[in-house]
């Protein structure tokens, strides 16, 4: 006679269902479907009540989508400026140069980016010419590896900052 494996006993089976205190759109639809299936055929659900429940479902779905969008936005904001601007290393950038003493505008200068650092949450590009500029001070970006001389214009929004130093 063969023996029954004790791992098959009901008491040894893992409890795989984890109840959730949240009511999501799938749970809402399940409840609505059960309600429709079990209604009294002689007294069907009121049209207004049904429309109200569908509006609630639509609202729930929109709030869920908005929550997911906000989560994505927060995650994108958490990316370090160093990582965000690391692709700039090796690129030639043009920027407005300022007189350090008077703050007066000088000529637009160009130089290659050799490193990216961060100061108070702002990305600082270190250039071959020894200057350090904020990433939002860039006027133009060029890829020195390309044969043609087409430049990519870059407009970065942020506070107006001239040269920065750490």
N, C-alpha and C. Protein backbone atom coordinates (compact mmCIF):
# COMPACT_ATOMS: atom_id res chain seq x y z
N UNK A 1 0.85 -1.18 0.00
CA UNK A 1 0.00 0.00 0.00
C UNK A 1 0.89 1.25 0.00
N UNK A 2 0.52 2.23 -0.84
CA UNK A 2 1.31 3.46 -0.93
C UNK A 2 0.86 4.44 0.13
N UNK A 3 1.83 5.18 0.62
CA UNK A 3 1.53 6.18 1.64
C UNK A 3 1.26 7.54 0.99
N UNK A 4 0.46 8.34 1.65
CA UNK A 4 0.17 9.70 1.19
C UNK A 4 1.29 10.62 1.68
N UNK A 5 1.79 11.39 0.75
CA UNK A 5 2.85 12.35 1.08
C UNK A 5 2.27 13.42 2.00
N UNK A 6 2.87 13.67 3.19
CA UNK A 6 2.32 14.66 4.13
C UNK A 6 2.32 16.09 3.59
N UNK A 7 3.13 16.37 2.55
CA UNK A 7 3.15 17.74 2.01
C UNK A 7 1.85 18.05 1.27
N UNK A 8 1.06 17.02 0.95
CA UNK A 8 -0.21 17.24 0.27
C UNK A 8 -1.36 17.57 1.23
N UNK A 9 -1.14 17.44 2.53
CA UNK A 9 -2.20 17.74 3.50
C UNK A 9 -2.58 19.21 3.40
N UNK A 10 -3.85 19.47 3.54
CA UNK A 10 -4.36 20.83 3.44
C UNK A 10 -3.71 21.75 4.46
N UNK A 11 -3.46 21.28 5.64
CA UNK A 11 -2.86 22.12 6.68
C UNK A 11 -1.42 22.50 6.36
N UNK A 12 -0.78 21.75 5.47
CA UNK A 12 0.61 22.06 5.10
C UNK A 12 0.71 22.96 3.86
N UNK A 13 -0.40 23.28 3.27
CA UNK A 13 -0.38 24.13 2.09
C UNK A 13 -0.21 25.60 2.51
N UNK A 14 0.63 26.33 1.77
CA UNK A 14 0.82 27.75 2.13
C UNK A 14 -0.45 28.55 1.83
N UNK A 15 -0.68 29.52 2.67
CA UNK A 15 -1.80 30.43 2.48
C UNK A 15 -1.35 31.50 1.49
N UNK A 16 -1.70 31.32 0.21
CA UNK A 16 -1.17 32.19 -0.83
C UNK A 16 -1.94 33.51 -0.99
N UNK A 17 -3.13 33.59 -0.49
CA UNK A 17 -3.93 34.81 -0.66
C UNK A 17 -3.57 35.82 0.43
N UNK A 18 -3.21 37.00 -0.01
CA UNK A 18 -2.90 38.09 0.91
C UNK A 18 -3.95 39.18 0.72
N UNK A 19 -4.87 39.33 1.68
CA UNK A 19 -5.89 40.36 1.52
C UNK A 19 -5.28 41.76 1.51
N UNK A 20 -5.89 42.63 0.73
CA UNK A 20 -5.40 44.00 0.60
C UNK A 20 -6.47 44.96 1.10
N UNK A 21 -6.07 45.97 1.86
CA UNK A 21 -7.05 46.95 2.34
C UNK A 21 -7.49 47.92 1.25
N UNK A 22 -6.81 47.89 0.08
CA UNK A 22 -7.13 48.82 -0.99
C UNK A 22 -8.16 48.22 -1.94
N UNK A 23 -9.02 49.05 -2.45
CA UNK A 23 -10.01 48.63 -3.43
C UNK A 23 -9.59 49.21 -4.77
N UNK A 24 -9.06 48.36 -5.64
CA UNK A 24 -8.61 48.80 -6.95
C UNK A 24 -9.70 48.65 -7.99
N UNK A 25 -9.35 48.97 -9.23
CA UNK A 25 -10.37 48.92 -10.28
C UNK A 25 -10.80 47.50 -10.58
N UNK A 26 -9.88 46.52 -10.46
CA UNK A 26 -10.27 45.13 -10.72
C UNK A 26 -11.26 44.64 -9.66
N UNK A 27 -11.01 44.96 -8.41
CA UNK A 27 -11.92 44.56 -7.34
C UNK A 27 -13.28 45.24 -7.50
N UNK A 28 -13.25 46.49 -7.89
CA UNK A 28 -14.50 47.23 -8.10
C UNK A 28 -15.33 46.58 -9.20
N UNK A 29 -14.67 46.20 -10.31
CA UNK A 29 -15.39 45.55 -11.41
C UNK A 29 -15.95 44.19 -10.99
N UNK A 30 -15.16 43.44 -10.20
CA UNK A 30 -15.64 42.14 -9.72
C UNK A 30 -16.90 42.31 -8.87
N UNK A 31 -16.88 43.27 -7.98
CA UNK A 31 -18.05 43.52 -7.12
C UNK A 31 -19.25 43.91 -7.97
N UNK A 32 -19.04 44.77 -8.95
CA UNK A 32 -20.13 45.22 -9.81
C UNK A 32 -20.70 44.04 -10.62
N UNK A 33 -19.83 43.18 -11.13
CA UNK A 33 -20.30 42.02 -11.91
C UNK A 33 -21.09 41.05 -11.03
N UNK A 34 -20.63 40.80 -9.81
CA UNK A 34 -21.35 39.92 -8.89
C UNK A 34 -22.71 40.52 -8.57
N UNK A 35 -22.72 41.82 -8.37
CA UNK A 35 -23.98 42.51 -8.06
C UNK A 35 -24.97 42.37 -9.24
N UNK A 36 -24.48 42.53 -10.48
CA UNK A 36 -25.35 42.40 -11.64
C UNK A 36 -25.83 40.95 -11.83
N UNK A 37 -24.95 39.99 -11.59
CA UNK A 37 -25.33 38.58 -11.77
C UNK A 37 -26.35 38.12 -10.73
N UNK A 38 -26.30 38.68 -9.55
CA UNK A 38 -27.16 38.21 -8.47
C UNK A 38 -28.35 39.12 -8.20
N UNK A 39 -28.65 40.02 -9.10
CA UNK A 39 -29.79 40.90 -8.86
C UNK A 39 -31.11 40.16 -9.13
N UNK A 40 -32.14 40.63 -8.52
CA UNK A 40 -33.48 40.05 -8.69
C UNK A 40 -33.99 40.45 -10.07
N UNK A 41 -34.32 39.47 -10.95
CA UNK A 41 -34.77 39.81 -12.30
C UNK A 41 -36.07 40.61 -12.31
N UNK A 42 -36.87 40.46 -11.26
CA UNK A 42 -38.13 41.21 -11.23
C UNK A 42 -37.92 42.65 -10.78
N UNK A 43 -36.79 42.90 -10.14
CA UNK A 43 -36.45 44.26 -9.67
C UNK A 43 -35.01 44.56 -10.08
N UNK A 44 -34.76 44.85 -11.35
CA UNK A 44 -33.38 45.11 -11.78
C UNK A 44 -32.82 46.39 -11.13
N UNK A 45 -31.50 46.49 -11.21
CA UNK A 45 -30.82 47.64 -10.62
C UNK A 45 -31.30 48.94 -11.27
N UNK A 46 -31.45 49.94 -10.47
CA UNK A 46 -31.88 51.26 -10.95
C UNK A 46 -30.83 51.83 -11.90
N UNK A 47 -31.29 52.43 -13.00
CA UNK A 47 -30.37 53.01 -14.00
C UNK A 47 -29.45 54.04 -13.37
N UNK A 48 -30.01 54.90 -12.56
CA UNK A 48 -29.21 55.98 -11.94
C UNK A 48 -28.12 55.41 -11.04
N UNK A 49 -28.46 54.37 -10.30
CA UNK A 49 -27.47 53.76 -9.41
C UNK A 49 -26.34 53.13 -10.23
N UNK A 50 -26.71 52.46 -11.32
CA UNK A 50 -25.71 51.85 -12.18
C UNK A 50 -24.79 52.90 -12.79
N UNK A 51 -25.37 53.99 -13.29
CA UNK A 51 -24.57 55.08 -13.87
C UNK A 51 -23.67 55.70 -12.82
N UNK A 52 -24.19 55.84 -11.62
CA UNK A 52 -23.39 56.39 -10.52
C UNK A 52 -22.19 55.49 -10.22
N UNK A 53 -22.41 54.18 -10.20
CA UNK A 53 -21.31 53.25 -9.94
C UNK A 53 -20.29 53.27 -11.08
N UNK A 54 -20.75 53.39 -12.30
CA UNK A 54 -19.82 53.46 -13.43
C UNK A 54 -19.01 54.76 -13.39
N UNK A 55 -19.63 55.84 -12.97
CA UNK A 55 -18.91 57.12 -12.82
C UNK A 55 -17.86 57.00 -11.73
N UNK A 56 -18.21 56.30 -10.66
CA UNK A 56 -17.24 56.07 -9.58
C UNK A 56 -16.07 55.25 -10.09
N UNK A 57 -16.37 54.25 -10.90
CA UNK A 57 -15.31 53.42 -11.47
C UNK A 57 -14.40 54.26 -12.37
N UNK A 58 -14.98 55.10 -13.20
CA UNK A 58 -14.21 55.97 -14.08
C UNK A 58 -13.32 56.90 -13.27
N UNK A 59 -13.87 57.46 -12.21
CA UNK A 59 -13.09 58.34 -11.32
C UNK A 59 -11.93 57.59 -10.69
N UNK A 60 -12.19 56.38 -10.24
CA UNK A 60 -11.16 55.55 -9.62
C UNK A 60 -10.04 55.27 -10.62
N UNK A 61 -10.40 54.95 -11.85
CA UNK A 61 -9.40 54.66 -12.87
C UNK A 61 -8.55 55.90 -13.17
N UNK A 62 -9.18 57.07 -13.27
CA UNK A 62 -8.43 58.30 -13.53
C UNK A 62 -7.49 58.63 -12.38
N UNK A 63 -7.94 58.42 -11.15
CA UNK A 63 -7.06 58.68 -9.99
C UNK A 63 -5.89 57.71 -9.98
N UNK A 64 -6.14 56.46 -10.35
CA UNK A 64 -5.06 55.48 -10.41
C UNK A 64 -4.03 55.88 -11.47
N UNK A 65 -4.50 56.29 -12.64
CA UNK A 65 -3.59 56.73 -13.70
C UNK A 65 -2.80 57.97 -13.28
N UNK A 66 -3.47 58.91 -12.60
CA UNK A 66 -2.79 60.12 -12.14
C UNK A 66 -1.73 59.77 -11.10
N UNK A 67 -2.05 58.86 -10.21
CA UNK A 67 -1.09 58.43 -9.20
C UNK A 67 0.14 57.80 -9.85
N UNK A 68 -0.08 56.97 -10.86
CA UNK A 68 1.04 56.34 -11.56
C UNK A 68 1.89 57.40 -12.26
N UNK A 69 1.25 58.40 -12.84
CA UNK A 69 1.99 59.48 -13.51
C UNK A 69 2.81 60.29 -12.52
N UNK A 70 2.25 60.57 -11.37
CA UNK A 70 2.98 61.32 -10.34
C UNK A 70 4.16 60.51 -9.84
N UNK A 71 3.98 59.20 -9.68
CA UNK A 71 5.08 58.34 -9.26
C UNK A 71 6.22 58.38 -10.27
N UNK A 72 5.88 58.35 -11.58
CA UNK A 72 6.90 58.43 -12.62
C UNK A 72 7.63 59.77 -12.56
N UNK A 73 6.88 60.85 -12.34
CA UNK A 73 7.48 62.18 -12.26
C UNK A 73 8.46 62.26 -11.09
N UNK A 74 8.05 61.75 -9.95
CA UNK A 74 8.92 61.77 -8.76
C UNK A 74 10.19 60.96 -9.03
N UNK A 75 10.04 59.79 -9.65
CA UNK A 75 11.21 58.97 -9.95
C UNK A 75 12.17 59.67 -10.91
N UNK A 76 11.61 60.38 -11.89
CA UNK A 76 12.48 61.09 -12.84
C UNK A 76 13.20 62.26 -12.17
N UNK A 77 12.59 62.84 -11.15
CA UNK A 77 13.22 63.95 -10.44
C UNK A 77 14.34 63.47 -9.52
N UNK A 78 14.33 62.19 -9.18
CA UNK A 78 15.32 61.65 -8.26
C UNK A 78 16.63 61.29 -8.96
N UNK A 79 16.68 61.39 -10.28
CA UNK A 79 17.89 61.06 -11.02
C UNK A 79 18.94 62.13 -10.73
N UNK A 80 20.10 61.69 -10.39
CA UNK A 80 21.20 62.60 -10.07
C UNK A 80 21.56 63.46 -11.28
N UNK A 81 21.83 64.77 -11.07
CA UNK A 81 22.24 65.62 -12.19
C UNK A 81 23.52 65.12 -12.86
N UNK A 82 24.38 64.47 -12.10
CA UNK A 82 25.62 63.94 -12.69
C UNK A 82 25.28 62.87 -13.72
N UNK A 83 24.35 61.97 -13.36
CA UNK A 83 23.94 60.92 -14.29
C UNK A 83 23.17 61.53 -15.46
N UNK A 84 22.33 62.49 -15.15
CA UNK A 84 21.49 63.12 -16.17
C UNK A 84 22.32 63.80 -17.26
N UNK A 85 23.46 64.39 -16.89
CA UNK A 85 24.28 65.13 -17.85
C UNK A 85 25.57 64.40 -18.21
N UNK A 86 25.73 63.15 -17.82
CA UNK A 86 26.97 62.42 -18.11
C UNK A 86 27.18 62.23 -19.62
N UNK A 87 26.10 62.23 -20.39
CA UNK A 87 26.24 62.09 -21.85
C UNK A 87 26.94 63.29 -22.49
N UNK A 88 27.10 64.36 -21.74
CA UNK A 88 27.72 65.57 -22.26
C UNK A 88 29.25 65.46 -22.33
N UNK A 89 29.83 64.49 -21.61
CA UNK A 89 31.29 64.34 -21.61
C UNK A 89 31.75 64.04 -23.03
N UNK A 90 32.73 64.82 -23.50
CA UNK A 90 33.25 64.67 -24.86
C UNK A 90 32.57 65.58 -25.87
N UNK A 91 31.49 66.23 -25.48
CA UNK A 91 30.79 67.15 -26.39
C UNK A 91 31.40 68.54 -26.29
N UNK A 92 31.27 69.28 -27.37
CA UNK A 92 31.71 70.67 -27.38
C UNK A 92 30.50 71.55 -27.07
N UNK A 93 30.63 72.40 -26.08
CA UNK A 93 29.52 73.27 -25.69
C UNK A 93 29.93 74.73 -25.85
N UNK A 94 28.95 75.55 -26.20
CA UNK A 94 29.15 76.99 -26.27
C UNK A 94 28.37 77.62 -25.14
N UNK A 95 28.94 78.66 -24.53
CA UNK A 95 28.30 79.31 -23.40
C UNK A 95 28.68 80.79 -23.38
N UNK A 96 27.84 81.57 -22.73
CA UNK A 96 28.10 83.01 -22.60
C UNK A 96 29.14 83.20 -21.50
N UNK A 97 30.23 83.88 -21.83
CA UNK A 97 31.27 84.14 -20.85
C UNK A 97 31.01 85.49 -20.18
N UNK A 98 31.31 85.59 -18.91
CA UNK A 98 31.11 86.82 -18.14
C UNK A 98 32.41 87.25 -17.48
N UNK A 99 32.59 88.54 -17.32
CA UNK A 99 33.73 89.07 -16.58
C UNK A 99 33.50 88.76 -15.11
N UNK A 100 34.47 88.11 -14.46
CA UNK A 100 34.31 87.67 -13.08
C UNK A 100 34.16 88.84 -12.11
N UNK A 101 34.78 89.98 -12.39
CA UNK A 101 34.73 91.12 -11.48
C UNK A 101 33.48 91.97 -11.68
N UNK A 102 33.16 92.27 -12.93
CA UNK A 102 32.04 93.19 -13.18
C UNK A 102 30.73 92.47 -13.50
N UNK A 103 30.82 91.19 -13.93
CA UNK A 103 29.61 90.47 -14.32
C UNK A 103 29.14 90.84 -15.71
N UNK A 104 29.96 91.59 -16.42
CA UNK A 104 29.61 92.06 -17.76
C UNK A 104 29.74 90.91 -18.77
N UNK A 105 28.81 90.88 -19.74
CA UNK A 105 28.84 89.84 -20.77
C UNK A 105 30.07 90.02 -21.66
N UNK A 106 30.73 88.90 -21.94
CA UNK A 106 31.85 88.88 -22.87
C UNK A 106 31.44 88.03 -24.08
N UNK A 107 32.38 87.58 -24.84
CA UNK A 107 32.09 86.77 -26.02
C UNK A 107 31.56 85.39 -25.64
N UNK A 108 30.90 84.77 -26.59
CA UNK A 108 30.47 83.38 -26.43
C UNK A 108 31.70 82.51 -26.65
N UNK A 109 31.97 81.59 -25.72
CA UNK A 109 33.13 80.70 -25.82
C UNK A 109 32.67 79.27 -26.01
N UNK A 110 33.57 78.43 -26.53
CA UNK A 110 33.30 77.01 -26.72
C UNK A 110 34.44 76.21 -26.13
N UNK A 111 34.10 75.04 -25.60
CA UNK A 111 35.11 74.13 -25.07
C UNK A 111 34.48 72.75 -24.93
N UNK A 112 35.32 71.73 -24.84
CA UNK A 112 34.84 70.36 -24.65
C UNK A 112 34.62 70.08 -23.17
N UNK A 113 33.57 69.30 -22.90
CA UNK A 113 33.26 68.89 -21.52
C UNK A 113 34.15 67.71 -21.17
N UNK A 114 34.86 67.80 -20.03
CA UNK A 114 35.72 66.70 -19.61
C UNK A 114 35.18 65.99 -18.37
N UNK A 115 34.28 66.64 -17.61
CA UNK A 115 33.73 66.02 -16.41
C UNK A 115 32.42 66.71 -16.04
N UNK A 116 31.61 66.01 -15.26
CA UNK A 116 30.35 66.54 -14.75
C UNK A 116 30.35 66.36 -13.24
N UNK A 117 30.02 67.43 -12.53
CA UNK A 117 29.92 67.34 -11.07
C UNK A 117 28.60 67.95 -10.63
N UNK A 118 28.39 67.98 -9.34
CA UNK A 118 27.11 68.47 -8.81
C UNK A 118 27.39 69.39 -7.64
N UNK A 119 26.60 70.47 -7.58
CA UNK A 119 26.68 71.39 -6.45
C UNK A 119 25.27 71.86 -6.14
N UNK A 120 24.79 71.60 -4.94
CA UNK A 120 23.46 72.01 -4.48
C UNK A 120 22.37 71.58 -5.45
N UNK A 121 22.51 70.37 -6.02
CA UNK A 121 21.49 69.83 -6.90
C UNK A 121 21.60 70.28 -8.35
N UNK A 122 22.56 71.14 -8.66
CA UNK A 122 22.75 71.64 -10.03
C UNK A 122 23.94 70.95 -10.66
N UNK A 123 23.84 70.61 -11.93
CA UNK A 123 24.94 69.99 -12.67
C UNK A 123 25.93 71.06 -13.09
N UNK A 124 27.21 70.78 -12.85
CA UNK A 124 28.28 71.68 -13.24
C UNK A 124 29.17 70.95 -14.23
N UNK A 125 29.37 71.55 -15.40
CA UNK A 125 30.21 70.96 -16.44
C UNK A 125 31.61 71.54 -16.32
N UNK A 126 32.59 70.64 -16.22
CA UNK A 126 33.99 71.06 -16.18
C UNK A 126 34.52 70.96 -17.60
N UNK A 127 35.14 72.05 -18.07
CA UNK A 127 35.55 72.15 -19.46
C UNK A 127 37.07 72.04 -19.61
N UNK A 128 37.51 71.72 -20.84
CA UNK A 128 38.94 71.60 -21.14
C UNK A 128 39.70 72.89 -20.87
N UNK A 129 39.04 74.04 -21.07
CA UNK A 129 39.70 75.33 -20.88
C UNK A 129 39.81 75.73 -19.40
N UNK A 130 39.42 74.82 -18.49
CA UNK A 130 39.56 75.09 -17.06
C UNK A 130 38.34 75.74 -16.43
N UNK A 131 37.37 76.13 -17.21
CA UNK A 131 36.16 76.78 -16.69
C UNK A 131 35.19 75.73 -16.18
N UNK A 132 34.34 76.15 -15.28
CA UNK A 132 33.24 75.34 -14.78
C UNK A 132 31.97 76.15 -14.98
N UNK A 133 31.00 75.54 -15.67
CA UNK A 133 29.74 76.26 -15.94
C UNK A 133 28.57 75.38 -15.53
N UNK A 134 27.47 76.05 -15.19
CA UNK A 134 26.24 75.32 -14.89
C UNK A 134 25.65 74.79 -16.21
N UNK A 135 25.03 73.64 -16.15
CA UNK A 135 24.46 73.01 -17.35
C UNK A 135 23.41 73.90 -18.01
N UNK A 136 22.70 74.69 -17.22
CA UNK A 136 21.66 75.54 -17.82
C UNK A 136 22.23 76.79 -18.49
N UNK A 137 23.55 76.98 -18.45
CA UNK A 137 24.18 78.12 -19.12
C UNK A 137 24.59 77.78 -20.55
N UNK A 138 24.37 76.55 -20.96
CA UNK A 138 24.78 76.11 -22.30
C UNK A 138 23.88 76.76 -23.36
N UNK A 139 24.52 77.30 -24.40
CA UNK A 139 23.79 77.89 -25.52
C UNK A 139 23.71 76.94 -26.70
N UNK A 140 24.75 76.11 -26.88
CA UNK A 140 24.81 75.23 -28.03
C UNK A 140 25.64 74.00 -27.68
N UNK A 141 25.26 72.86 -28.25
CA UNK A 141 25.99 71.61 -28.05
C UNK A 141 26.39 71.07 -29.42
N UNK A 142 27.66 70.70 -29.54
CA UNK A 142 28.15 70.11 -30.78
C UNK A 142 28.82 68.79 -30.46
N UNK A 143 28.67 67.85 -31.39
CA UNK A 143 29.37 66.57 -31.27
C UNK A 143 30.60 66.66 -32.14
N UNK A 144 31.81 66.71 -31.57
CA UNK A 144 33.01 66.88 -32.37
C UNK A 144 33.30 65.68 -33.28
N UNK A 145 32.67 64.53 -33.03
CA UNK A 145 32.90 63.33 -33.84
C UNK A 145 32.17 63.36 -35.17
N UNK A 146 31.15 64.20 -35.30
CA UNK A 146 30.38 64.20 -36.55
C UNK A 146 31.12 64.97 -37.62
N UNK A 147 30.96 64.51 -38.87
CA UNK A 147 31.65 65.14 -40.00
C UNK A 147 31.05 66.50 -40.33
N UNK A 148 29.71 66.54 -40.41
CA UNK A 148 29.09 67.82 -40.74
C UNK A 148 29.06 68.70 -39.50
N UNK A 149 28.91 69.96 -39.71
CA UNK A 149 29.02 70.91 -38.61
C UNK A 149 27.64 71.36 -38.14
N UNK A 150 26.64 70.48 -38.20
CA UNK A 150 25.30 70.85 -37.73
C UNK A 150 25.29 70.84 -36.22
N UNK A 151 24.85 71.92 -35.64
CA UNK A 151 24.80 72.04 -34.19
C UNK A 151 23.40 71.76 -33.70
N UNK A 152 23.33 71.27 -32.51
CA UNK A 152 22.04 71.04 -31.86
C UNK A 152 21.83 72.16 -30.87
N UNK A 153 20.80 72.95 -31.08
CA UNK A 153 20.50 74.04 -30.16
C UNK A 153 19.91 73.45 -28.88
N UNK A 154 20.31 73.97 -27.76
CA UNK A 154 19.79 73.48 -26.50
C UNK A 154 19.31 74.64 -25.66
N UNK A 155 18.07 74.59 -25.27
CA UNK A 155 17.57 75.59 -24.35
C UNK A 155 17.20 74.88 -23.08
N UNK A 156 17.90 75.21 -22.03
CA UNK A 156 17.67 74.57 -20.75
C UNK A 156 17.08 75.62 -19.82
N UNK A 157 15.93 75.32 -19.26
CA UNK A 157 15.30 76.28 -18.37
C UNK A 157 15.86 76.14 -16.96
N UNK A 158 15.92 77.24 -16.29
CA UNK A 158 16.42 77.25 -14.92
C UNK A 158 16.87 78.65 -14.60
N UNK A 159 17.38 78.83 -13.41
CA UNK A 159 17.82 80.18 -13.04
C UNK A 159 19.01 80.59 -13.88
N UNK A 160 19.12 81.88 -14.16
CA UNK A 160 20.22 82.40 -14.95
C UNK A 160 21.48 82.39 -14.10
N UNK A 161 22.42 81.52 -14.47
CA UNK A 161 23.65 81.40 -13.70
C UNK A 161 24.81 81.59 -14.66
N UNK A 162 25.79 82.32 -14.22
CA UNK A 162 27.00 82.44 -15.01
C UNK A 162 27.95 81.34 -14.54
N UNK A 163 29.23 81.53 -14.76
CA UNK A 163 30.20 80.52 -14.38
C UNK A 163 30.02 80.15 -12.91
N UNK A 164 30.21 78.89 -12.65
CA UNK A 164 30.10 78.42 -11.27
C UNK A 164 31.40 77.80 -10.85
N UNK A 165 31.66 77.83 -9.60
CA UNK A 165 32.84 77.13 -9.07
C UNK A 165 32.41 76.39 -7.83
N UNK A 166 33.11 75.30 -7.59
CA UNK A 166 32.72 74.49 -6.44
C UNK A 166 33.26 75.04 -5.16
